[in-house]
């Protein structure tokens, strides 16, 4: 089984049909409603995150890697999803 990572996905408030797709492929840790977007903090495999962020209505700036010492580091998308440093 692939290691899971955490990411924050954003969808426009008027694209609520995507909410069900996020819940069906990711473990949703947090859901926040802002003025014009819904933010989802999720845990999923890198492949599932890549599938979600590849959709035109979903955006993701990066993901969070949990380390063995329980610290969390943010990785921007251009660092590559499956790579750890």
N, C-alpha and C. Protein backbone atom coordinates (compact mmCIF):
# COMPACT_ATOMS: atom_id res chain seq x y z
N UNK A 1 0.84 -1.18 0.00
CA UNK A 1 0.00 0.00 0.00
C UNK A 1 0.88 1.24 0.00
N UNK A 2 0.56 2.21 -0.83
CA UNK A 2 1.36 3.44 -0.95
C UNK A 2 1.18 4.31 0.29
N UNK A 3 2.26 5.02 0.63
CA UNK A 3 2.16 5.98 1.73
C UNK A 3 1.18 7.07 1.36
N UNK A 4 0.48 7.55 2.35
CA UNK A 4 -0.47 8.64 2.12
C UNK A 4 0.18 9.96 2.50
N UNK A 5 -0.24 11.00 1.81
CA UNK A 5 0.23 12.34 2.07
C UNK A 5 -0.98 13.22 2.34
N UNK A 6 -0.74 14.39 2.88
CA UNK A 6 -1.81 15.35 3.11
C UNK A 6 -1.68 16.49 2.12
N UNK A 7 -2.82 17.00 1.69
CA UNK A 7 -2.84 18.13 0.76
C UNK A 7 -4.05 18.98 1.08
N UNK A 8 -4.03 20.21 0.58
CA UNK A 8 -5.18 21.09 0.71
C UNK A 8 -5.69 21.35 -0.70
N UNK A 9 -6.92 20.94 -0.94
CA UNK A 9 -7.56 21.12 -2.24
C UNK A 9 -8.60 22.23 -2.13
N UNK A 10 -8.74 23.02 -3.19
CA UNK A 10 -9.73 24.09 -3.22
C UNK A 10 -10.66 23.88 -4.40
N UNK A 11 -11.95 24.04 -4.15
CA UNK A 11 -12.92 24.03 -5.25
C UNK A 11 -13.80 25.26 -5.12
N UNK A 12 -14.27 25.79 -6.25
CA UNK A 12 -15.20 26.92 -6.18
C UNK A 12 -16.50 26.48 -5.49
N UNK A 13 -17.12 27.41 -4.77
CA UNK A 13 -18.36 27.08 -4.05
C UNK A 13 -19.47 26.60 -4.97
N UNK A 14 -19.45 27.04 -6.22
CA UNK A 14 -20.51 26.62 -7.15
C UNK A 14 -20.22 25.29 -7.84
N UNK A 15 -19.19 24.55 -7.41
CA UNK A 15 -18.84 23.25 -7.98
C UNK A 15 -18.97 22.15 -6.93
N UNK A 16 -20.05 22.16 -6.19
CA UNK A 16 -20.24 21.23 -5.08
C UNK A 16 -20.32 19.77 -5.51
N UNK A 17 -20.57 19.49 -6.78
CA UNK A 17 -20.58 18.10 -7.25
C UNK A 17 -19.23 17.45 -7.05
N UNK A 18 -18.16 18.26 -7.03
CA UNK A 18 -16.82 17.72 -6.83
C UNK A 18 -16.59 17.27 -5.39
N UNK A 19 -17.40 17.79 -4.48
CA UNK A 19 -17.25 17.44 -3.06
C UNK A 19 -17.36 15.92 -2.87
N UNK A 20 -18.34 15.31 -3.48
CA UNK A 20 -18.53 13.86 -3.37
C UNK A 20 -17.36 13.08 -3.93
N UNK A 21 -16.78 13.58 -5.02
CA UNK A 21 -15.62 12.90 -5.60
C UNK A 21 -14.42 12.98 -4.67
N UNK A 22 -14.24 14.12 -4.01
CA UNK A 22 -13.13 14.24 -3.06
C UNK A 22 -13.34 13.29 -1.89
N UNK A 23 -14.58 13.23 -1.35
CA UNK A 23 -14.85 12.33 -0.23
C UNK A 23 -14.71 10.86 -0.63
N UNK A 24 -14.97 10.53 -1.89
CA UNK A 24 -14.89 9.12 -2.29
C UNK A 24 -13.46 8.65 -2.54
N UNK A 25 -12.52 9.57 -2.80
CA UNK A 25 -11.15 9.16 -3.09
C UNK A 25 -10.14 9.55 -2.02
N UNK A 26 -10.54 10.42 -1.10
CA UNK A 26 -9.62 10.93 -0.09
C UNK A 26 -10.23 10.82 1.30
N UNK A 27 -9.39 10.76 2.29
CA UNK A 27 -9.84 10.89 3.67
C UNK A 27 -9.86 12.40 3.97
N UNK A 28 -11.04 12.96 4.17
CA UNK A 28 -11.16 14.40 4.40
C UNK A 28 -10.92 14.68 5.88
N UNK A 29 -9.88 15.45 6.16
CA UNK A 29 -9.51 15.78 7.54
C UNK A 29 -10.17 17.08 8.00
N UNK A 30 -10.44 17.96 7.05
CA UNK A 30 -11.03 19.26 7.39
C UNK A 30 -11.71 19.82 6.15
N UNK A 31 -12.81 20.52 6.36
CA UNK A 31 -13.54 21.17 5.28
C UNK A 31 -13.90 22.57 5.77
N UNK A 32 -13.45 23.59 5.04
CA UNK A 32 -13.72 24.97 5.44
C UNK A 32 -14.34 25.73 4.28
N UNK A 33 -15.37 26.49 4.57
CA UNK A 33 -16.02 27.31 3.57
C UNK A 33 -15.54 28.75 3.71
N UNK A 34 -15.00 29.29 2.62
CA UNK A 34 -14.58 30.68 2.57
C UNK A 34 -15.54 31.42 1.64
N UNK A 35 -15.25 32.66 1.33
CA UNK A 35 -16.16 33.47 0.54
C UNK A 35 -16.54 32.83 -0.80
N UNK A 36 -15.55 32.38 -1.57
CA UNK A 36 -15.86 31.85 -2.89
C UNK A 36 -15.29 30.46 -3.17
N UNK A 37 -14.64 29.86 -2.17
CA UNK A 37 -14.07 28.52 -2.35
C UNK A 37 -14.32 27.67 -1.11
N UNK A 38 -14.23 26.37 -1.30
CA UNK A 38 -14.26 25.42 -0.19
C UNK A 38 -12.88 24.79 -0.13
N UNK A 39 -12.28 24.80 1.05
CA UNK A 39 -10.95 24.20 1.25
C UNK A 39 -11.12 22.84 1.92
N UNK A 40 -10.46 21.84 1.36
CA UNK A 40 -10.46 20.50 1.92
C UNK A 40 -9.03 20.14 2.28
N UNK A 41 -8.77 19.81 3.52
CA UNK A 41 -7.48 19.23 3.90
C UNK A 41 -7.71 17.73 3.87
N UNK A 42 -6.95 17.03 3.03
CA UNK A 42 -7.20 15.62 2.78
C UNK A 42 -5.94 14.80 2.99
N UNK A 43 -6.14 13.51 3.18
CA UNK A 43 -5.05 12.53 3.21
C UNK A 43 -5.40 11.49 2.15
N UNK A 44 -4.42 11.20 1.28
CA UNK A 44 -4.64 10.24 0.19
C UNK A 44 -3.29 9.83 -0.37
N UNK A 45 -3.31 8.86 -1.26
CA UNK A 45 -2.08 8.45 -1.93
C UNK A 45 -1.66 9.56 -2.90
N UNK A 46 -0.38 9.63 -3.23
CA UNK A 46 0.05 10.62 -4.22
C UNK A 46 -0.72 10.51 -5.53
N UNK A 47 -1.03 9.31 -5.97
CA UNK A 47 -1.77 9.13 -7.22
C UNK A 47 -3.17 9.73 -7.13
N UNK A 48 -3.85 9.54 -5.99
CA UNK A 48 -5.18 10.12 -5.82
C UNK A 48 -5.13 11.65 -5.78
N UNK A 49 -4.11 12.20 -5.14
CA UNK A 49 -3.97 13.66 -5.11
C UNK A 49 -3.72 14.18 -6.52
N UNK A 50 -2.86 13.51 -7.27
CA UNK A 50 -2.57 13.94 -8.64
C UNK A 50 -3.83 13.90 -9.50
N UNK A 51 -4.65 12.87 -9.34
CA UNK A 51 -5.91 12.79 -10.10
C UNK A 51 -6.82 13.95 -9.76
N UNK A 52 -6.93 14.27 -8.48
CA UNK A 52 -7.81 15.36 -8.07
C UNK A 52 -7.29 16.71 -8.58
N UNK A 53 -6.00 16.96 -8.43
CA UNK A 53 -5.48 18.26 -8.83
C UNK A 53 -5.43 18.40 -10.35
N UNK A 54 -5.55 17.30 -11.08
CA UNK A 54 -5.59 17.37 -12.54
C UNK A 54 -6.93 17.82 -13.09
N UNK A 55 -7.94 17.89 -12.24
CA UNK A 55 -9.26 18.34 -12.67
C UNK A 55 -9.26 19.86 -12.79
N UNK A 56 -9.93 20.40 -13.80
CA UNK A 56 -9.88 21.85 -14.01
C UNK A 56 -10.50 22.68 -12.88
N UNK A 57 -11.46 22.13 -12.13
CA UNK A 57 -12.13 22.89 -11.07
C UNK A 57 -11.48 22.73 -9.70
N UNK A 58 -10.44 21.93 -9.60
CA UNK A 58 -9.78 21.70 -8.31
C UNK A 58 -8.37 22.26 -8.38
N UNK A 59 -7.99 23.03 -7.37
CA UNK A 59 -6.63 23.55 -7.35
C UNK A 59 -5.92 23.09 -6.07
N UNK A 60 -4.63 23.01 -6.18
CA UNK A 60 -3.80 22.55 -5.08
C UNK A 60 -2.43 23.19 -5.24
N UNK A 61 -1.95 23.89 -4.21
CA UNK A 61 -0.64 24.54 -4.29
C UNK A 61 0.49 23.60 -3.90
N UNK A 62 0.18 22.56 -3.20
CA UNK A 62 1.22 21.64 -2.74
C UNK A 62 0.62 20.65 -1.76
N UNK A 63 1.46 19.95 -1.06
CA UNK A 63 0.98 18.95 -0.13
C UNK A 63 1.87 18.96 1.09
N UNK A 64 1.46 18.22 2.08
CA UNK A 64 2.15 18.17 3.36
C UNK A 64 2.68 16.77 3.59
N UNK A 65 3.92 16.67 3.98
CA UNK A 65 4.54 15.38 4.27
C UNK A 65 4.70 15.27 5.78
N UNK A 66 4.11 14.26 6.37
CA UNK A 66 4.29 14.02 7.80
C UNK A 66 5.57 13.22 7.98
N UNK A 67 6.41 13.65 8.88
CA UNK A 67 7.68 12.98 9.12
C UNK A 67 7.58 12.11 10.36
N UNK A 68 8.54 11.25 10.53
CA UNK A 68 8.52 10.30 11.65
C UNK A 68 8.51 10.99 13.01
N UNK A 69 9.08 12.19 13.09
CA UNK A 69 9.10 12.89 14.36
C UNK A 69 7.83 13.72 14.58
N UNK A 70 6.79 13.46 13.77
CA UNK A 70 5.49 14.14 13.83
C UNK A 70 5.52 15.58 13.36
N UNK A 71 6.65 16.04 12.80
CA UNK A 71 6.66 17.36 12.19
C UNK A 71 6.05 17.25 10.80
N UNK A 72 5.61 18.35 10.26
CA UNK A 72 4.98 18.36 8.94
C UNK A 72 5.67 19.42 8.11
N UNK A 73 6.00 19.08 6.88
CA UNK A 73 6.61 20.06 5.99
C UNK A 73 5.76 20.22 4.74
N UNK A 74 5.73 21.43 4.21
CA UNK A 74 4.96 21.73 3.01
C UNK A 74 5.86 21.60 1.80
N UNK A 75 5.36 20.97 0.75
CA UNK A 75 6.10 20.83 -0.50
C UNK A 75 5.29 21.50 -1.61
N UNK A 76 5.85 22.46 -2.33
CA UNK A 76 5.13 23.03 -3.48
C UNK A 76 5.00 21.99 -4.59
N UNK A 77 4.02 22.18 -5.47
CA UNK A 77 3.78 21.20 -6.52
C UNK A 77 4.98 20.97 -7.41
N UNK A 78 5.78 21.98 -7.68
CA UNK A 78 6.91 21.80 -8.58
C UNK A 78 8.02 20.94 -7.99
N UNK A 79 7.89 20.53 -6.72
CA UNK A 79 8.89 19.66 -6.11
C UNK A 79 8.64 18.20 -6.45
N UNK A 80 7.52 17.86 -7.05
CA UNK A 80 7.22 16.48 -7.42
C UNK A 80 6.52 15.74 -6.30
N UNK A 81 5.38 15.16 -6.57
CA UNK A 81 4.56 14.55 -5.53
C UNK A 81 5.21 13.36 -4.85
N UNK A 82 5.80 12.47 -5.58
CA UNK A 82 6.30 11.25 -4.96
C UNK A 82 7.69 11.38 -4.36
N UNK A 83 8.32 12.50 -4.54
CA UNK A 83 9.69 12.64 -4.04
C UNK A 83 9.70 13.18 -2.62
N UNK A 84 10.58 12.67 -1.83
CA UNK A 84 10.74 13.15 -0.45
C UNK A 84 12.17 13.62 -0.27
N UNK A 85 12.31 14.68 0.53
CA UNK A 85 13.65 15.20 0.72
C UNK A 85 14.05 15.27 2.14
